[in-house]
Amino acid sequence: MKLTEKIMKNSNTVYMILLLIGVSVLGIFSYATYIFYQIVQGTTLIGWTYLVAAPNLFAILLILMLLFVGKEQAANEVADFLGGN
């Protein structure tokens, strides 16, 4: 069985894994941004907070994409990406 077929067969699992990755990144980096901001508040390093918070934007975009696109299309995109098409 080809990789593309395996991914399409397990589209619910792929969808849940992608959603879990998005929520995990959002949670971890939100907390990291909060801690970093508390440490550097009042110093010249305050601008670096945006760099630490950048993965939050990625996570929000990933979650929104998954919610709007749906399970089948998300699994199809992952299969195309990993399958080399």
PDB file of N, CA and C in Angstrom:
ATOM      1  N   MET A   1       0.849  -1.177   0.000  1.00  0.00           N
ATOM      2  CA  MET A   1       0.000   0.000   0.000  1.00  0.00           C
ATOM      3  C   MET A   1       0.894   1.240   0.000  1.00  0.00           C
ATOM      4  N   LYS A   2       0.590   2.143  -0.886  1.00  0.00           N
ATOM      5  CA  LYS A   2       1.378   3.368  -0.993  1.00  0.00           C
ATOM      6  C   LYS A   2       1.088   4.303   0.173  1.00  0.00           C
ATOM      7  N   LEU A   3       2.036   5.210   0.404  1.00  0.00           N
ATOM      8  CA  LEU A   3       1.914   6.168   1.499  1.00  0.00           C
ATOM      9  C   LEU A   3       0.670   7.034   1.335  1.00  0.00           C
ATOM     10  N   THR A   4       0.395   7.446   0.117  1.00  0.00           N
ATOM     11  CA  THR A   4      -0.776   8.290  -0.144  1.00  0.00           C
ATOM     12  C   THR A   4      -2.067   7.565   0.242  1.00  0.00           C
ATOM     13  N   GLU A   5      -2.148   6.291  -0.094  1.00  0.00           N
ATOM     14  CA  GLU A   5      -3.341   5.510   0.239  1.00  0.00           C
ATOM     15  C   GLU A   5      -3.487   5.328   1.744  1.00  0.00           C
ATOM     16  N   LYS A   6      -2.367   5.121   2.429  1.00  0.00           N
ATOM     17  CA  LYS A   6      -2.413   4.958   3.886  1.00  0.00           C
ATOM     18  C   LYS A   6      -2.902   6.230   4.567  1.00  0.00           C
ATOM     19  N   ILE A   7      -2.421   7.368   4.081  1.00  0.00           N
ATOM     20  CA  ILE A   7      -2.834   8.640   4.674  1.00  0.00           C
ATOM     21  C   ILE A   7      -4.314   8.890   4.426  1.00  0.00           C
ATOM     22  N   MET A   8      -4.776   8.623   3.221  1.00  0.00           N
ATOM     23  CA  MET A   8      -6.189   8.848   2.914  1.00  0.00           C
ATOM     24  C   MET A   8      -7.090   7.884   3.689  1.00  0.00           C
ATOM     25  N   LYS A   9      -6.604   6.667   3.923  1.00  0.00           N
ATOM     26  CA  LYS A   9      -7.379   5.690   4.689  1.00  0.00           C
ATOM     27  C   LYS A   9      -7.527   6.138   6.145  1.00  0.00           C
ATOM     28  N   ASN A  10      -6.493   6.765   6.677  1.00  0.00           N
ATOM     29  CA  ASN A  10      -6.484   7.216   8.068  1.00  0.00           C
ATOM     30  C   ASN A  10      -6.650   8.730   8.160  1.00  0.00           C
ATOM     31  N   SER A  11      -7.553   9.291   7.386  1.00  0.00           N
ATOM     32  CA  SER A  11      -7.702  10.748   7.330  1.00  0.00           C
ATOM     33  C   SER A  11      -8.144  11.338   8.669  1.00  0.00           C
ATOM     34  N   ASN A  12      -8.960  10.619   9.425  1.00  0.00           N
ATOM     35  CA  ASN A  12      -9.377  11.128  10.742  1.00  0.00           C
ATOM     36  C   ASN A  12      -8.192  11.242  11.687  1.00  0.00           C
ATOM     37  N   THR A  13      -7.318  10.247  11.666  1.00  0.00           N
ATOM     38  CA  THR A  13      -6.131  10.266  12.527  1.00  0.00           C
ATOM     39  C   THR A  13      -5.185  11.385  12.118  1.00  0.00           C
ATOM     40  N   VAL A  14      -4.986  11.552  10.820  1.00  0.00           N
ATOM     41  CA  VAL A  14      -4.111  12.622  10.328  1.00  0.00           C
ATOM     42  C   VAL A  14      -4.666  13.981  10.737  1.00  0.00           C
ATOM     43  N   TYR A  15      -5.964  14.155  10.609  1.00  0.00           N
ATOM     44  CA  TYR A  15      -6.616  15.414  10.986  1.00  0.00           C
ATOM     45  C   TYR A  15      -6.426  15.703  12.472  1.00  0.00           C
ATOM     46  N   MET A  16      -6.641  14.699  13.300  1.00  0.00           N
ATOM     47  CA  MET A  16      -6.497  14.889  14.746  1.00  0.00           C
ATOM     48  C   MET A  16      -5.049  15.161  15.145  1.00  0.00           C
ATOM     49  N   ILE A  17      -4.104  14.515  14.480  1.00  0.00           N
ATOM     50  CA  ILE A  17      -2.687  14.765  14.771  1.00  0.00           C
ATOM     51  C   ILE A  17      -2.319  16.198  14.410  1.00  0.00           C
ATOM     52  N   LEU A  18      -2.762  16.667  13.253  1.00  0.00           N
ATOM     53  CA  LEU A  18      -2.475  18.047  12.856  1.00  0.00           C
ATOM     54  C   LEU A  18      -3.122  19.047  13.811  1.00  0.00           C
ATOM     55  N   LEU A  19      -4.332  18.764  14.225  1.00  0.00           N
ATOM     56  CA  LEU A  19      -5.019  19.636  15.181  1.00  0.00           C
ATOM     57  C   LEU A  19      -4.304  19.630  16.528  1.00  0.00           C
ATOM     58  N   LEU A  20      -3.844  18.475  16.961  1.00  0.00           N
ATOM     59  CA  LEU A  20      -3.105  18.366  18.220  1.00  0.00           C
ATOM     60  C   LEU A  20      -1.786  19.119  18.150  1.00  0.00           C
ATOM     61  N   ILE A  21      -1.105  19.039  17.019  1.00  0.00           N
ATOM     62  CA  ILE A  21       0.147  19.788  16.847  1.00  0.00           C
ATOM     63  C   ILE A  21      -0.124  21.287  16.949  1.00  0.00           C
ATOM     64  N   GLY A  22      -1.164  21.754  16.279  1.00  0.00           N
ATOM     65  CA  GLY A  22      -1.491  23.178  16.322  1.00  0.00           C
ATOM     66  C   GLY A  22      -1.825  23.669  17.717  1.00  0.00           C
ATOM     67  N   VAL A  23      -2.643  22.915  18.426  1.00  0.00           N
ATOM     68  CA  VAL A  23      -3.033  23.314  19.781  1.00  0.00           C
ATOM     69  C   VAL A  23      -1.840  23.232  20.731  1.00  0.00           C
ATOM     70  N   SER A  24      -0.995  22.216  20.567  1.00  0.00           N
ATOM     71  CA  SER A  24       0.188  22.079  21.429  1.00  0.00           C
ATOM     72  C   SER A  24       1.163  23.228  21.226  1.00  0.00           C
ATOM     73  N   VAL A  25       1.431  23.557  19.969  1.00  0.00           N
ATOM     74  CA  VAL A  25       2.340  24.672  19.682  1.00  0.00           C
ATOM     75  C   VAL A  25       1.762  25.969  20.229  1.00  0.00           C
ATOM     76  N   LEU A  26       0.475  26.156  20.059  1.00  0.00           N
ATOM     77  CA  LEU A  26      -0.173  27.366  20.570  1.00  0.00           C
ATOM     78  C   LEU A  26      -0.057  27.457  22.087  1.00  0.00           C
ATOM     79  N   GLY A  27      -0.308  26.375  22.771  1.00  0.00           N
ATOM     80  CA  GLY A  27      -0.221  26.378  24.228  1.00  0.00           C
ATOM     81  C   GLY A  27       1.193  26.571  24.745  1.00  0.00           C
ATOM     82  N   ILE A  28       2.130  25.843  24.184  1.00  0.00           N
ATOM     83  CA  ILE A  28       3.521  25.915  24.650  1.00  0.00           C
ATOM     84  C   ILE A  28       4.117  27.288  24.393  1.00  0.00           C
ATOM     85  N   PHE A  29       3.946  27.807  23.185  1.00  0.00           N
ATOM     86  CA  PHE A  29       4.576  29.081  22.871  1.00  0.00           C
ATOM     87  C   PHE A  29       3.831  30.271  23.469  1.00  0.00           C
ATOM     88  N   SER A  30       2.551  30.122  23.761  1.00  0.00           N
ATOM     89  CA  SER A  30       1.863  31.186  24.494  1.00  0.00           C
ATOM     90  C   SER A  30       2.455  31.319  25.889  1.00  0.00           C
ATOM     91  N   TYR A  31       2.674  30.196  26.533  1.00  0.00           N
ATOM     92  CA  TYR A  31       3.273  30.212  27.868  1.00  0.00           C
ATOM     93  C   TYR A  31       4.718  30.716  27.805  1.00  0.00           C
ATOM     94  N   ALA A  32       5.473  30.260  26.809  1.00  0.00           N
ATOM     95  CA  ALA A  32       6.861  30.708  26.669  1.00  0.00           C
ATOM     96  C   ALA A  32       6.929  32.209  26.406  1.00  0.00           C
ATOM     97  N   THR A  33       6.009  32.721  25.602  1.00  0.00           N
ATOM     98  CA  THR A  33       5.975  34.155  25.328  1.00  0.00           C
ATOM     99  C   THR A  33       5.657  34.937  26.594  1.00  0.00           C
ATOM    100  N   TYR A  34       4.724  34.454  27.375  1.00  0.00           N
ATOM    101  CA  TYR A  34       4.365  35.113  28.634  1.00  0.00           C
ATOM    102  C   TYR A  34       5.568  35.158  29.582  1.00  0.00           C
ATOM    103  N   ILE A  35       6.249  34.034  29.753  1.00  0.00           N
ATOM    104  CA  ILE A  35       7.420  33.974  30.638  1.00  0.00           C
ATOM    105  C   ILE A  35       8.518  34.894  30.125  1.00  0.00           C
ATOM    106  N   PHE A  36       8.791  34.836  28.817  1.00  0.00           N
ATOM    107  CA  PHE A  36       9.843  35.673  28.238  1.00  0.00           C
ATOM    108  C   PHE A  36       9.508  37.150  28.409  1.00  0.00           C
ATOM    109  N   TYR A  37       8.248  37.514  28.181  1.00  0.00           N
ATOM    110  CA  TYR A  37       7.834  38.910  28.325  1.00  0.00           C
ATOM    111  C   TYR A  37       8.003  39.383  29.766  1.00  0.00           C
ATOM    112  N   GLN A  38       7.660  38.543  30.719  1.00  0.00           N
ATOM    113  CA  GLN A  38       7.812  38.914  32.127  1.00  0.00           C
ATOM    114  C   GLN A  38       9.277  39.124  32.498  1.00  0.00           C
ATOM    115  N   ILE A  39      10.165  38.341  31.898  1.00  0.00           N
ATOM    116  CA  ILE A  39      11.596  38.442  32.213  1.00  0.00           C
ATOM    117  C   ILE A  39      12.214  39.689  31.591  1.00  0.00           C
ATOM    118  N   VAL A  40      11.888  39.988  30.333  1.00  0.00           N
ATOM    119  CA  VAL A  40      12.569  41.074  29.622  1.00  0.00           C
ATOM    120  C   VAL A  40      11.822  42.400  29.682  1.00  0.00           C
ATOM    121  N   GLN A  41      10.720  42.458  30.387  1.00  0.00           N
ATOM    122  CA  GLN A  41       9.947  43.694  30.474  1.00  0.00           C
ATOM    123  C   GLN A  41      10.812  44.805  31.075  1.00  0.00           C
ATOM    124  N   GLY A  42      10.875  45.922  30.370  1.00  0.00           N
ATOM    125  CA  GLY A  42      11.664  47.058  30.830  1.00  0.00           C
ATOM    126  C   GLY A  42      13.103  47.038  30.354  1.00  0.00           C
ATOM    127  N   THR A  43      13.473  46.050  29.541  1.00  0.00           N
ATOM    128  CA  THR A  43      14.836  45.990  29.005  1.00  0.00           C
ATOM    129  C   THR A  43      14.793  46.251  27.504  1.00  0.00           C
ATOM    130  N   THR A  44      15.957  46.244  26.896  1.00  0.00           N
ATOM    131  CA  THR A  44      16.031  46.458  25.446  1.00  0.00           C
ATOM    132  C   THR A  44      15.688  45.190  24.667  1.00  0.00           C
ATOM    133  N   LEU A  45      15.490  44.088  25.346  1.00  0.00           N
ATOM    134  CA  LEU A  45      15.181  42.825  24.673  1.00  0.00           C
ATOM    135  C   LEU A  45      13.687  42.620  24.441  1.00  0.00           C
ATOM    136  N   ILE A  46      12.884  43.623  24.743  1.00  0.00           N
ATOM    137  CA  ILE A  46      11.433  43.484  24.637  1.00  0.00           C
ATOM    138  C   ILE A  46      10.995  43.170  23.198  1.00  0.00           C
ATOM    139  N   GLY A  47      11.746  43.638  22.209  1.00  0.00           N
ATOM    140  CA  GLY A  47      11.417  43.364  20.813  1.00  0.00           C
ATOM    141  C   GLY A  47      11.535  41.894  20.445  1.00  0.00           C
ATOM    142  N   TRP A  48      12.338  41.163  21.171  1.00  0.00           N
ATOM    143  CA  TRP A  48      12.514  39.733  20.914  1.00  0.00           C
ATOM    144  C   TRP A  48      11.263  38.940  21.273  1.00  0.00           C
ATOM    145  N   THR A  49      10.358  39.548  21.990  1.00  0.00           N
ATOM    146  CA  THR A  49       9.111  38.868  22.352  1.00  0.00           C
ATOM    147  C   THR A  49       8.336  38.475  21.096  1.00  0.00           C
ATOM    148  N   TYR A  50       8.398  39.305  20.063  1.00  0.00           N
ATOM    149  CA  TYR A  50       7.711  38.981  18.811  1.00  0.00           C
ATOM    150  C   TYR A  50       8.302  37.738  18.157  1.00  0.00           C
ATOM    151  N   LEU A  51       9.599  37.566  18.271  1.00  0.00           N
ATOM    152  CA  LEU A  51      10.243  36.379  17.710  1.00  0.00           C
ATOM    153  C   LEU A  51       9.807  35.119  18.457  1.00  0.00           C
ATOM    154  N   VAL A  52       9.703  35.228  19.769  1.00  0.00           N
ATOM    155  CA  VAL A  52       9.262  34.083  20.564  1.00  0.00           C
ATOM    156  C   VAL A  52       7.793  33.774  20.279  1.00  0.00           C
ATOM    157  N   ALA A  53       7.003  34.789  19.990  1.00  0.00           N
ATOM    158  CA  ALA A  53       5.570  34.608  19.755  1.00  0.00           C
ATOM    159  C   ALA A  53       5.245  34.197  18.320  1.00  0.00           C
ATOM    160  N   ALA A  54       6.212  34.200  17.418  1.00  0.00           N
ATOM    161  CA  ALA A  54       5.949  33.893  16.013  1.00  0.00           C
ATOM    162  C   ALA A  54       5.296  32.524  15.787  1.00  0.00           C
ATOM    163  N   PRO A  55       5.696  31.466  16.479  1.00  0.00           N
ATOM    164  CA  PRO A  55       5.012  30.176  16.259  1.00  0.00           C
ATOM    165  C   PRO A  55       3.529  30.197  16.617  1.00  0.00           C
ATOM    166  N   ASN A  56       3.107  31.138  17.439  1.00  0.00           N
ATOM    167  CA  ASN A  56       1.676  31.248  17.752  1.00  0.00           C
ATOM    168  C   ASN A  56       0.874  31.585  16.505  1.00  0.00           C
ATOM    169  N   LEU A  57       1.407  32.453  15.662  1.00  0.00           N
ATOM    170  CA  LEU A  57       0.730  32.793  14.412  1.00  0.00           C
ATOM    171  C   LEU A  57       0.622  31.564  13.515  1.00  0.00           C
ATOM    172  N   PHE A  58       1.705  30.795  13.434  1.00  0.00           N
ATOM    173  CA  PHE A  58       1.678  29.556  12.654  1.00  0.00           C
ATOM    174  C   PHE A  58       0.600  28.608  13.180  1.00  0.00           C
ATOM    175  N   ALA A  59       0.528  28.458  14.486  1.00  0.00           N
ATOM    176  CA  ALA A  59      -0.443  27.540  15.086  1.00  0.00           C
ATOM    177  C   ALA A  59      -1.875  28.004  14.833  1.00  0.00           C
ATOM    178  N   ILE A  60      -2.113  29.295  14.953  1.00  0.00           N
ATOM    179  CA  ILE A  60      -3.461  29.823  14.705  1.00  0.00           C
ATOM    180  C   ILE A  60      -3.855  29.615  13.246  1.00  0.00           C
ATOM    181  N   LEU A  61      -2.930  29.865  12.330  1.00  0.00           N
ATOM    182  CA  LEU A  61      -3.220  29.650  10.911  1.00  0.00           C
ATOM    183  C   LEU A  61      -3.465  28.177  10.608  1.00  0.00           C
ATOM    184  N   LEU A  62      -2.690  27.289  11.237  1.00  0.00           N
ATOM    185  CA  LEU A  62      -2.885  25.855  11.036  1.00  0.00           C
ATOM    186  C   LEU A  62      -4.255  25.410  11.535  1.00  0.00           C
ATOM    187  N   ILE A  63      -4.633  25.857  12.708  1.00  0.00           N
ATOM    188  CA  ILE A  63      -5.930  25.476  13.273  1.00  0.00           C
ATOM    189  C   ILE A  63      -7.075  26.022  12.419  1.00  0.00           C
ATOM    190  N   LEU A  64      -6.976  27.280  11.992  1.00  0.00           N
ATOM    191  CA  LEU A  64      -8.026  27.853  11.140  1.00  0.00           C
ATOM    192  C   LEU A  64      -8.118  27.124   9.806  1.00  0.00           C
ATOM    193  N   MET A  65      -6.965  26.780   9.233  1.00  0.00           N
ATOM    194  CA  MET A  65      -6.963  26.043   7.970  1.00  0.00           C
ATOM    195  C   MET A  65      -7.657  24.698   8.143  1.00  0.00           C
ATOM    196  N   LEU A  66      -7.361  24.018   9.228  1.00  0.00           N
ATOM    197  CA  LEU A  66      -7.979  22.715   9.460  1.00  0.00           C
ATOM    198  C   LEU A  66      -9.484  22.833   9.660  1.00  0.00           C
ATOM    199  N   LEU A  67      -9.918  23.866  10.352  1.00  0.00           N
ATOM    200  CA  LEU A  67     -11.349  24.032  10.596  1.00  0.00           C
ATOM    201  C   LEU A  67     -12.119  24.392   9.329  1.00  0.00           C
ATOM    202  N   PHE A  68     -11.513  25.196   8.456  1.00  0.00           N
ATOM    203  CA  PHE A  68     -12.208  25.619   7.241  1.00  0.00           C
ATOM    204  C   PHE A  68     -12.096  24.609   6.108  1.00  0.00           C
ATOM    205  N   VAL A  69     -10.970  23.916   6.028  1.00  0.00           N
ATOM    206  CA  VAL A  69     -10.749  22.998   4.911  1.00  0.00           C
ATOM    207  C   VAL A  69     -11.420  21.654   5.154  1.00  0.00           C
ATOM    208  N   GLY A  70     -11.335  21.130   6.348  1.00  0.00           N
ATOM    209  CA  GLY A  70     -11.966  19.854   6.666  1.00  0.00           C
ATOM    210  C   GLY A  70     -10.993  18.694   6.656  1.00  0.00           C
ATOM    211  N   LYS A  71     -11.503  17.554   7.102  1.00  0.00           N
ATOM    212  CA  LYS A  71     -10.662  16.371   7.286  1.00  0.00           C
ATOM    213  C   LYS A  71     -10.126  15.816   5.976  1.00  0.00           C
ATOM    214  N   GLU A  72     -11.005  15.632   5.025  1.00  0.00           N
ATOM    215  CA  GLU A  72     -10.600  14.984   3.771  1.00  0.00           C
ATOM    216  C   GLU A  72      -9.581  15.821   3.001  1.00  0.00           C
ATOM    217  N   GLN A  73      -9.827  17.110   2.890  1.00  0.00           N
ATOM    218  CA  GLN A  73      -8.911  17.968   2.144  1.00  0.00           C
ATOM    219  C   GLN A  73      -7.577  18.094   2.861  1.00  0.00           C
ATOM    220  N   ALA A  74      -7.592  18.166   4.190  1.00  0.00           N
ATOM    221  CA  ALA A  74      -6.341  18.240   4.949  1.00  0.00           C
ATOM    222  C   ALA A  74      -5.523  16.972   4.746  1.00  0.00           C
ATOM    223  N   ALA A  75      -6.180  15.814   4.807  1.00  0.00           N
ATOM    224  CA  ALA A  75      -5.479  14.552   4.574  1.00  0.00           C
ATOM    225  C   ALA A  75      -4.966  14.468   3.144  1.00  0.00           C
ATOM    226  N   ASN A  76      -5.737  14.984   2.203  1.00  0.00           N
ATOM    227  CA  ASN A  76      -5.312  14.990   0.804  1.00  0.00           C
ATOM    228  C   ASN A  76      -4.068  15.848   0.608  1.00  0.00           C
ATOM    229  N   GLU A  77      -4.029  17.008   1.244  1.00  0.00           N
ATOM    230  CA  GLU A  77      -2.862  17.888   1.129  1.00  0.00           C
ATOM    231  C   GLU A  77      -1.620  17.253   1.749  1.00  0.00           C
ATOM    232  N   VAL A  78      -1.783  16.608   2.906  1.00  0.00           N
ATOM    233  CA  VAL A  78      -0.651  15.927   3.537  1.00  0.00           C
ATOM    234  C   VAL A  78      -0.174  14.778   2.659  1.00  0.00           C
ATOM    235  N   ALA A  79      -1.103  14.031   2.086  1.00  0.00           N
ATOM    236  CA  ALA A  79      -0.739  12.918   1.208  1.00  0.00           C
ATOM    237  C   ALA A  79      -0.002  13.414  -0.030  1.00  0.00           C
ATOM    238  N   ASP A  80      -0.457  14.516  -0.610  1.00  0.00           N
ATOM    239  CA  ASP A  80       0.235  15.082  -1.769  1.00  0.00           C
ATOM    240  C   ASP A  80       1.628  15.562  -1.400  1.00  0.00           C
ATOM    241  N   PHE A  81       1.748  16.181  -0.239  1.00  0.00           N
ATOM    242  CA  PHE A  81       3.048  16.694   0.199  1.00  0.00           C
ATOM    243  C   PHE A  81       4.030  15.554   0.462  1.00  0.00           C
ATOM    244  N   LEU A  82       3.588  14.542   1.188  1.00  0.00           N
ATOM    245  CA  LEU A  82       4.481  13.438   1.528  1.00  0.00           C
ATOM    246  C   LEU A  82       4.652  12.445   0.388  1.00  0.00           C
ATOM    247  N   GLY A  83       3.657  12.376  -0.493  1.00  0.00           N
ATOM    248  CA  GLY A  83       3.729  11.451  -1.611  1.00  0.00           C
ATOM    249  C   GLY A  83       4.556  11.958  -2.771  1.00  0.00           C
ATOM    250  N   GLY A  84       4.905  13.224  -2.759  1.00  0.00           N
ATOM    251  CA  GLY A  84       5.748  13.779  -3.806  1.00  0.00           C
ATOM    252  C   GLY A  84       4.999  14.302  -5.009  1.00  0.00           C
ATOM    253  N   ASN A  85       3.711  14.481  -4.926  1.00  0.00           N
ATOM    254  CA  ASN A  85       2.937  15.008  -6.060  1.00  0.00           C
ATOM    255  C   ASN A  85       2.880  16.503  -6.013  1.00  0.00           C
TER     256      ASN A  85
END
